[in-house]
Protein backbone atom coordinates (compact mmCIF):
# COMPACT_ATOMS: atom_id res chain seq x y z
CA MET A 1 -31.77 -31.06 -23.79
CA GLU A 2 -34.58 -29.98 -26.09
CA LYS A 3 -37.66 -28.65 -24.34
CA PRO A 4 -41.15 -27.57 -25.43
CA THR A 5 -41.12 -23.94 -26.49
CA MET A 6 -41.65 -21.51 -23.64
CA ALA A 7 -43.31 -18.14 -24.03
CA ARG A 8 -40.60 -15.43 -24.07
CA LYS A 9 -42.43 -13.56 -21.33
CA PRO A 10 -45.92 -13.93 -19.89
CA ALA A 11 -47.97 -14.12 -23.06
CA THR A 12 -50.76 -12.17 -21.45
CA LEU A 13 -48.52 -9.15 -21.88
CA GLU A 14 -48.20 -9.77 -25.63
CA MET A 15 -51.74 -10.86 -26.50
CA LYS A 16 -55.04 -9.05 -26.46
CA GLY A 17 -58.24 -10.84 -27.30
CA GLY A 18 -56.21 -13.86 -28.32
CA LYS A 19 -54.33 -11.97 -31.04
CA SER A 20 -50.76 -10.72 -30.98
CA PRO A 21 -49.93 -7.29 -32.44
CA ARG A 22 -48.33 -9.02 -35.44
CA GLN A 23 -51.51 -11.03 -36.02
CA ARG A 24 -53.54 -7.82 -36.04
CA VAL A 25 -51.12 -6.21 -38.49
CA TRP A 26 -51.28 -9.26 -40.75
CA GLU A 27 -55.09 -9.23 -40.77
CA ALA A 28 -55.03 -5.55 -41.73
CA ILE A 29 -52.59 -6.25 -44.57
CA ARG A 30 -54.81 -9.05 -45.90
CA LYS A 31 -57.77 -6.66 -45.78
CA LEU A 32 -55.87 -3.90 -47.63
CA ARG A 33 -54.01 -6.34 -49.85
CA LYS A 34 -54.16 -4.43 -53.15
CA GLY A 35 -52.47 -1.30 -51.85
CA PHE A 36 -51.51 0.01 -48.42
CA THR A 37 -49.02 2.20 -46.61
CA GLN A 38 -47.58 1.79 -43.16
CA PRO A 39 -49.91 4.50 -41.73
CA ASP A 40 -52.89 2.77 -43.39
CA VAL A 41 -52.15 -0.45 -41.54
CA ALA A 42 -51.44 1.30 -38.23
CA GLU A 43 -54.79 3.08 -38.51
CA VAL A 44 -56.68 -0.19 -39.05
CA VAL A 45 -55.06 -1.90 -36.07
CA GLY A 46 -55.45 1.16 -33.87
CA GLY A 47 -51.81 1.86 -33.16
CA PHE A 48 -48.85 -0.52 -32.90
CA GLU A 49 -46.82 1.84 -35.10
CA SER A 50 -43.44 0.32 -34.21
CA VAL A 51 -44.74 -3.24 -34.60
CA THR A 52 -46.31 -2.31 -37.93
CA LYS A 53 -43.07 -0.78 -39.20
CA ASP A 54 -40.94 -3.75 -38.13
CA TYR A 55 -43.35 -6.37 -39.44
CA ILE A 56 -43.76 -4.66 -42.81
CA THR A 57 -39.96 -4.64 -43.10
CA SER A 58 -39.86 -8.36 -42.31
CA LEU A 59 -42.63 -9.19 -44.78
CA LEU A 60 -40.91 -7.17 -47.50
CA ARG A 61 -37.61 -9.00 -46.99
CA ALA A 62 -39.46 -12.31 -47.02
CA GLU A 63 -41.03 -11.29 -50.38
CA ILE A 64 -44.52 -11.70 -48.96
CA ILE A 65 -45.32 -8.09 -49.83
CA GLU A 66 -43.76 -5.78 -52.42
CA VAL A 67 -43.45 -2.05 -53.06
CA ILE A 68 -45.69 -0.85 -55.88
CA SER A 69 -45.03 2.90 -55.62
CA GLU A 70 -43.00 5.50 -53.76
CA GLU A 71 -43.86 9.11 -52.97
CA ARG A 72 -41.56 11.68 -51.42
CA VAL A 73 -43.20 13.57 -48.55
CA GLY A 74 -40.76 16.21 -47.36
CA ILE A 75 -37.56 14.39 -46.47
CA CYS A 76 -39.35 11.07 -46.13
CA VAL A 77 -40.36 8.50 -48.73
CA ARG A 78 -43.82 6.99 -48.35
CA ARG A 79 -44.05 3.53 -49.87
CA THR A 80 -47.21 1.79 -50.98
CA TYR A 81 -47.20 -1.99 -50.77
CA ARG A 82 -49.33 -4.85 -51.95
CA LEU A 83 -49.67 -8.42 -50.74
CA VAL A 84 -48.14 -10.87 -53.21
CA ARG A 85 -48.03 -14.09 -51.19
CA ASP A 86 -50.98 -14.76 -48.91
CA ASN A 87 -49.99 -17.50 -46.46
CA GLY A 88 -53.43 -17.76 -44.88
CA VAL A 89 -55.11 -16.43 -41.76
CA GLU A 90 -52.15 -16.98 -39.43
CA ALA A 91 -49.49 -14.26 -39.43
CA PRO A 92 -46.24 -15.51 -41.02
CA ARG A 93 -43.69 -16.25 -38.32
CA ILE A 94 -40.59 -14.53 -39.64
CA LYS A 95 -37.59 -12.66 -38.28
CA ARG A 96 -36.67 -9.08 -39.16
CA ASP A 97 -34.40 -10.35 -41.94
CA GLY A 98 -37.30 -12.25 -43.52
CA THR A 99 -36.18 -15.74 -42.54
CA PRO A 100 -38.65 -18.12 -40.85
CA VAL A 101 -38.87 -18.32 -37.07
CA VAL A 102 -38.28 -21.92 -36.03
CA GLN A 103 -38.94 -21.41 -32.30
CA GLY A 104 -42.33 -22.87 -31.46
CA ALA A 105 -42.51 -24.96 -34.63
CA GLY A 106 -42.41 -28.15 -32.57
CA ASN A 107 -45.37 -27.10 -30.43
CA GLU A 108 -47.35 -26.10 -33.52
CA SER A 109 -46.60 -29.43 -35.18
CA MET A 110 -47.56 -31.48 -32.11
CA TRP A 111 -50.76 -29.49 -31.56
CA GLY A 112 -51.77 -29.87 -35.20
CA THR A 113 -50.91 -33.57 -35.19
CA MET A 114 -53.07 -34.17 -32.11
CA HIS A 115 -55.99 -32.53 -33.89
CA ARG A 116 -55.56 -34.05 -37.37
CA MET A 117 -54.38 -37.55 -36.51
CA PHE A 118 -55.27 -38.31 -32.93
CA GLU A 119 -58.48 -36.49 -32.08
CA ARG A 120 -60.46 -39.70 -32.58
CA LYS A 121 -57.84 -42.22 -31.46
CA ASP A 122 -55.41 -42.39 -28.60
CA PHE A 123 -51.64 -41.91 -28.67
CA ASN A 124 -48.62 -41.87 -26.43
CA PHE A 125 -45.82 -39.30 -26.36
CA ARG A 126 -43.53 -41.48 -28.47
CA GLU A 127 -46.10 -41.76 -31.26
CA LEU A 128 -46.73 -38.02 -31.07
CA ALA A 129 -43.00 -37.29 -31.46
CA ALA A 130 -42.74 -39.64 -34.43
CA PHE A 131 -45.77 -38.32 -36.33
CA ALA A 132 -45.18 -34.62 -35.55
CA SER A 133 -41.49 -34.63 -36.52
CA THR A 134 -40.34 -33.35 -39.89
CA ALA A 135 -36.95 -33.36 -41.54
CA ALA A 136 -36.57 -29.67 -40.81
CA HIS A 137 -37.95 -29.84 -37.25
CA PRO A 138 -37.42 -33.20 -35.54
CA ILE A 139 -39.10 -33.53 -32.14
CA SER A 140 -37.50 -35.57 -29.39
CA GLU A 141 -39.51 -37.96 -27.24
CA GLU A 142 -38.58 -35.90 -24.16
CA THR A 143 -40.02 -32.78 -25.77
CA ALA A 144 -43.25 -34.57 -26.70
CA LYS A 145 -43.51 -36.08 -23.22
CA ALA A 146 -43.19 -32.69 -21.52
CA TYR A 147 -45.77 -31.12 -23.84
CA VAL A 148 -48.23 -33.96 -23.28
CA GLN A 149 -47.80 -33.62 -19.51
CA ALA A 150 -48.51 -29.89 -19.68
CA LEU A 151 -51.61 -30.25 -21.85
CA ALA A 152 -52.91 -33.09 -19.71
CA ALA A 153 -52.49 -30.99 -16.56
CA ALA A 154 -54.32 -28.12 -18.26
CA GLY A 155 -57.29 -30.36 -19.16
CA TYR A 156 -56.79 -30.66 -22.93
CA LEU A 157 -56.17 -34.40 -22.91
CA ASN A 158 -58.05 -37.43 -21.62
CA CYS A 159 -56.07 -40.44 -20.37
CA THR A 160 -57.41 -43.61 -22.01
CA LYS A 161 -54.82 -45.94 -20.48
CA PRO A 162 -52.54 -45.15 -17.53
CA ALA A 163 -48.83 -45.73 -17.76
CA VAL A 164 -47.62 -49.22 -16.94
CA ARG A 165 -44.47 -49.40 -14.88
CA GLY A 166 -42.07 -52.22 -14.21
CA ARG A 167 -41.18 -55.18 -16.41
CA ASN A 168 -43.82 -54.53 -19.08
CA ALA A 169 -43.56 -50.74 -18.90
CA ALA A 170 -45.63 -48.74 -21.37
CA PRO A 171 -46.36 -45.00 -21.59
CA ALA A 172 -49.79 -43.59 -20.85
CA ARG A 173 -52.16 -43.16 -23.76
CA TRP A 174 -54.17 -40.00 -24.40
CA THR A 175 -56.79 -38.44 -26.63
CA LEU A 176 -57.32 -34.77 -27.37
CA ILE A 177 -60.71 -33.79 -26.00
CA PRO A 178 -62.56 -32.44 -29.10
CA ARG A 179 -64.02 -29.39 -27.36
CA MET A 180 -60.54 -28.49 -26.13
CA PHE A 181 -59.21 -27.87 -29.62
CA THR A 182 -59.60 -24.14 -29.17
CA GLY A 183 -57.98 -23.07 -32.44
CA PRO A 184 -54.94 -23.48 -34.68
CA ARG A 185 -52.37 -21.81 -32.41
CA ALA A 186 -50.57 -24.18 -30.05
CA PRO A 187 -50.93 -23.67 -26.30
CA MET A 188 -47.65 -22.50 -24.78
CA ILE A 189 -45.89 -23.54 -21.60
CA GLN A 190 -44.79 -20.45 -19.73
CA ARG A 191 -41.73 -20.17 -17.53
CA THR A 192 -44.10 -19.40 -14.67
CA ASN A 193 -45.22 -23.03 -14.92
CA ALA A 194 -48.50 -22.16 -16.56
CA VAL A 195 -50.20 -22.97 -19.85
CA PHE A 196 -51.28 -20.03 -22.01
CA ASP A 197 -53.78 -20.58 -24.81
CA PRO A 198 -53.25 -17.93 -27.54
CA ASN A 199 -56.55 -18.90 -29.18
CA GLN A 200 -58.38 -17.73 -26.06
CA GLY A 201 -55.86 -15.07 -25.06
CA ARG A 202 -55.58 -16.25 -21.47
CA VAL A 203 -53.74 -18.47 -19.04
CA VAL A 204 -55.81 -21.65 -18.77
CA TRP A 205 -53.85 -23.47 -16.09
CA THR A 206 -51.12 -22.78 -13.56
CA ASP A 207 -49.47 -24.83 -10.84
CA THR A 208 -46.59 -23.82 -8.60
CA LYS A 209 -45.85 -27.47 -7.86
CA GLY A 210 -44.97 -28.37 -11.45
CA PHE A 211 -46.44 -30.84 -13.88
CA GLU A 212 -46.94 -34.41 -12.70
CA SER A 213 -44.74 -36.92 -14.49
CA GLU A 214 -46.40 -39.53 -16.67
CA GLN A 215 -44.43 -42.16 -18.55
């Protein structure tokens, strides 16, 4: 059964100040876009040498950056790169081989849909699944329902109409509270039964009892 994307491990261990190491590397690359080396980027981000090396490799294979010169330094070759395809402020989500990462795409799509389409009108989980789905990344109603439950528990959503049970059953309706749109990155449900907001770089809600079920 499809489920909302979980953080691989407590995201507080991967984020600092709301930014992942890859995000910091990407921002440095955008700043140095016309010409940079791996050490240049590592210096700007203040470390993360292994992350910088791996991410540059991924970006090169994805043809987002390219090599513009090579210089032999002893037995090593120092490459200078430039940015050729700027995808915006958010770090491209790609694997080491340069292919896109699909994990988390559903959460990102649902979060963006809540903001763009439903911030000023209410919705239920079925409508969210329908509008957030794409041909490449369809979202099941069960996935949307679980994500809505998590965000509601964490205080992101306001219930405009409770669920109706019985003969004329209808799912609850929600709106995204405008001030709770904290940024473009989708809140994540952690395996520790908590919600982590990468825009704020912190766990915003946790409950050992689990999320309450809403139809």
